[in-house]
Amino acid sequence: MELLLSIMVGALVAASVYLMLARNVLRFLFGLILISNAANLTIFVAGRLTPEAPPLIPYGQDAPVGVVANALPQALVLTAIVIGFGLFAFALTLVYRTYQNLGTLNSDEMRLAEPEESKK
């Protein structure tokens, strides 16, 4: 299962790099989100996929009894998902305002474009 997920991470990274090399800023944003998901999957796979019991500690014990799943990668991925969603929402707002002001999403044309407000 880890091999399949590792191949999937490689495919996600390849697709995200392809998208991030495009001149379109919106494609760059989608590539950024895709590489974030690839990093989350890498962290999750690094924590090993096990069908073990949840990491619960019985009353009166100092540590879990027996073999338990590692909760740290799950917590890291959950935190990264929330941060990634916030980054996506903020960046999407910036891209929308840039399109409103410049009238283009092509990064080459953005350098040469004059803001719409100054044309009026």
Protein backbone atom coordinates (compact mmCIF):
# COMPACT_ATOMS: atom_id res chain seq x y z
CA MET A 1 0.00 0.00 0.00
CA GLU A 2 2.88 2.37 0.78
CA LEU A 3 4.30 1.77 -2.70
CA LEU A 4 1.03 2.77 -4.35
CA LEU A 5 0.78 5.91 -2.21
CA SER A 6 4.42 6.79 -2.96
CA ILE A 7 3.71 6.56 -6.69
CA MET A 8 0.66 8.75 -6.14
CA VAL A 9 2.77 11.36 -4.32
CA GLY A 10 5.19 11.36 -7.26
CA ALA A 11 2.33 11.87 -9.72
CA LEU A 12 0.90 14.70 -7.61
CA VAL A 13 4.28 16.44 -7.43
CA ALA A 14 4.82 16.04 -11.19
CA ALA A 15 1.38 17.46 -11.98
CA SER A 16 1.85 20.33 -9.54
CA VAL A 17 5.25 21.28 -10.97
CA TYR A 18 3.72 21.22 -14.46
CA LEU A 19 0.92 23.53 -13.32
CA MET A 20 3.28 25.85 -11.43
CA LEU A 21 5.44 26.36 -14.53
CA ALA A 22 2.50 27.74 -16.48
CA ARG A 23 2.23 31.46 -17.15
CA ASN A 24 -1.34 31.57 -15.82
CA VAL A 25 -1.48 32.65 -12.17
CA LEU A 26 -4.62 30.58 -11.50
CA ARG A 27 -2.85 27.43 -12.72
CA PHE A 28 0.06 28.30 -10.44
CA LEU A 29 -2.37 28.51 -7.53
CA PHE A 30 -3.85 25.09 -8.34
CA GLY A 31 -0.33 23.67 -8.57
CA LEU A 32 0.46 25.12 -5.15
CA ILE A 33 -2.59 23.42 -3.65
CA LEU A 34 -1.70 20.14 -5.37
CA ILE A 35 1.86 20.18 -4.01
CA SER A 36 0.46 20.93 -0.56
CA ASN A 37 -1.73 17.84 -0.82
CA ALA A 38 1.28 15.80 -1.95
CA ALA A 39 3.22 16.95 1.11
CA ASN A 40 0.28 16.03 3.36
CA LEU A 41 0.12 12.57 1.81
CA THR A 42 3.88 12.17 2.29
CA ILE A 43 3.60 13.01 6.00
CA PHE A 44 0.66 10.63 6.36
CA VAL A 45 2.49 7.76 4.65
CA ALA A 46 5.64 8.43 6.69
CA GLY A 47 3.61 7.71 9.82
CA ARG A 48 2.99 4.17 8.49
CA LEU A 49 -0.45 2.89 7.67
CA THR A 50 -1.42 0.42 10.37
CA PRO A 51 -4.69 -1.25 11.33
CA GLU A 52 -3.71 -0.90 14.99
CA ALA A 53 -5.89 0.37 17.82
CA PRO A 54 -6.31 4.10 18.50
CA PRO A 55 -3.76 5.59 20.91
CA LEU A 56 -5.96 5.58 24.02
CA ILE A 57 -4.43 5.26 27.48
CA PRO A 58 -6.44 3.26 30.00
CA TYR A 59 -7.21 4.85 33.37
CA GLY A 60 -4.33 4.41 35.80
CA GLN A 61 -1.72 3.66 33.10
CA ASP A 62 1.19 5.83 31.96
CA ALA A 63 1.26 4.60 28.37
CA PRO A 64 -1.00 2.76 25.95
CA VAL A 65 -1.14 -1.00 26.35
CA GLY A 66 0.00 -2.88 23.26
CA VAL A 67 0.72 -1.61 19.77
CA VAL A 68 -1.17 1.55 18.83
CA ALA A 69 -1.37 3.82 15.80
CA ASN A 70 0.79 6.93 15.69
CA ALA A 71 -1.39 10.02 16.09
CA LEU A 72 1.30 12.63 15.36
CA PRO A 73 1.24 12.38 11.53
CA GLN A 74 -2.55 12.56 11.59
CA ALA A 75 -2.46 15.71 13.71
CA LEU A 76 0.21 17.30 11.49
CA VAL A 77 -1.80 16.58 8.33
CA LEU A 78 -4.99 17.93 9.86
CA THR A 79 -3.21 21.15 10.83
CA ALA A 80 -1.64 21.41 7.37
CA ILE A 81 -5.04 20.98 5.70
CA VAL A 82 -6.50 23.87 7.68
CA ILE A 83 -3.51 26.12 6.96
CA GLY A 84 -3.57 25.12 3.29
CA PHE A 85 -7.25 26.01 3.00
CA GLY A 86 -6.60 29.43 4.52
CA LEU A 87 -3.70 29.99 2.12
CA PHE A 88 -5.87 28.96 -0.83
CA ALA A 89 -8.71 31.29 0.15
CA PHE A 90 -6.31 34.23 0.61
CA ALA A 91 -4.42 33.56 -2.63
CA LEU A 92 -7.66 33.12 -4.59
CA THR A 93 -8.82 36.51 -3.33
CA LEU A 94 -5.53 38.07 -4.42
CA VAL A 95 -5.82 36.48 -7.87
CA TYR A 96 -9.39 37.75 -8.23
CA ARG A 97 -8.40 41.32 -7.27
CA THR A 98 -5.41 41.16 -9.62
CA TYR A 99 -7.68 40.11 -12.47
CA GLN A 100 -10.07 42.94 -11.64
CA ASN A 101 -7.28 45.52 -11.64
CA LEU A 102 -5.13 44.31 -14.53
CA GLY A 103 -7.64 42.41 -16.67
CA THR A 104 -5.34 39.42 -17.17
CA LEU A 105 -4.04 36.35 -15.36
CA ASN A 106 -1.01 35.85 -17.60
CA SER A 107 2.12 36.66 -15.60
CA ASP A 108 3.98 38.02 -18.65
CA GLU A 109 1.16 40.41 -19.46
CA MET A 110 0.91 41.55 -15.83
CA ARG A 111 4.27 43.26 -16.02
CA LEU A 112 3.16 45.29 -19.01
CA ALA A 113 -0.48 45.83 -18.02
CA GLU A 114 -1.63 49.14 -16.71
CA PRO A 115 -4.27 49.00 -13.95
CA GLU A 116 -7.84 49.44 -15.21
CA GLU A 117 -8.45 52.29 -12.75
CA SER A 118 -5.66 54.44 -14.20
CA LYS A 119 -7.05 54.04 -17.73
CA LYS A 120 -10.32 55.79 -16.84
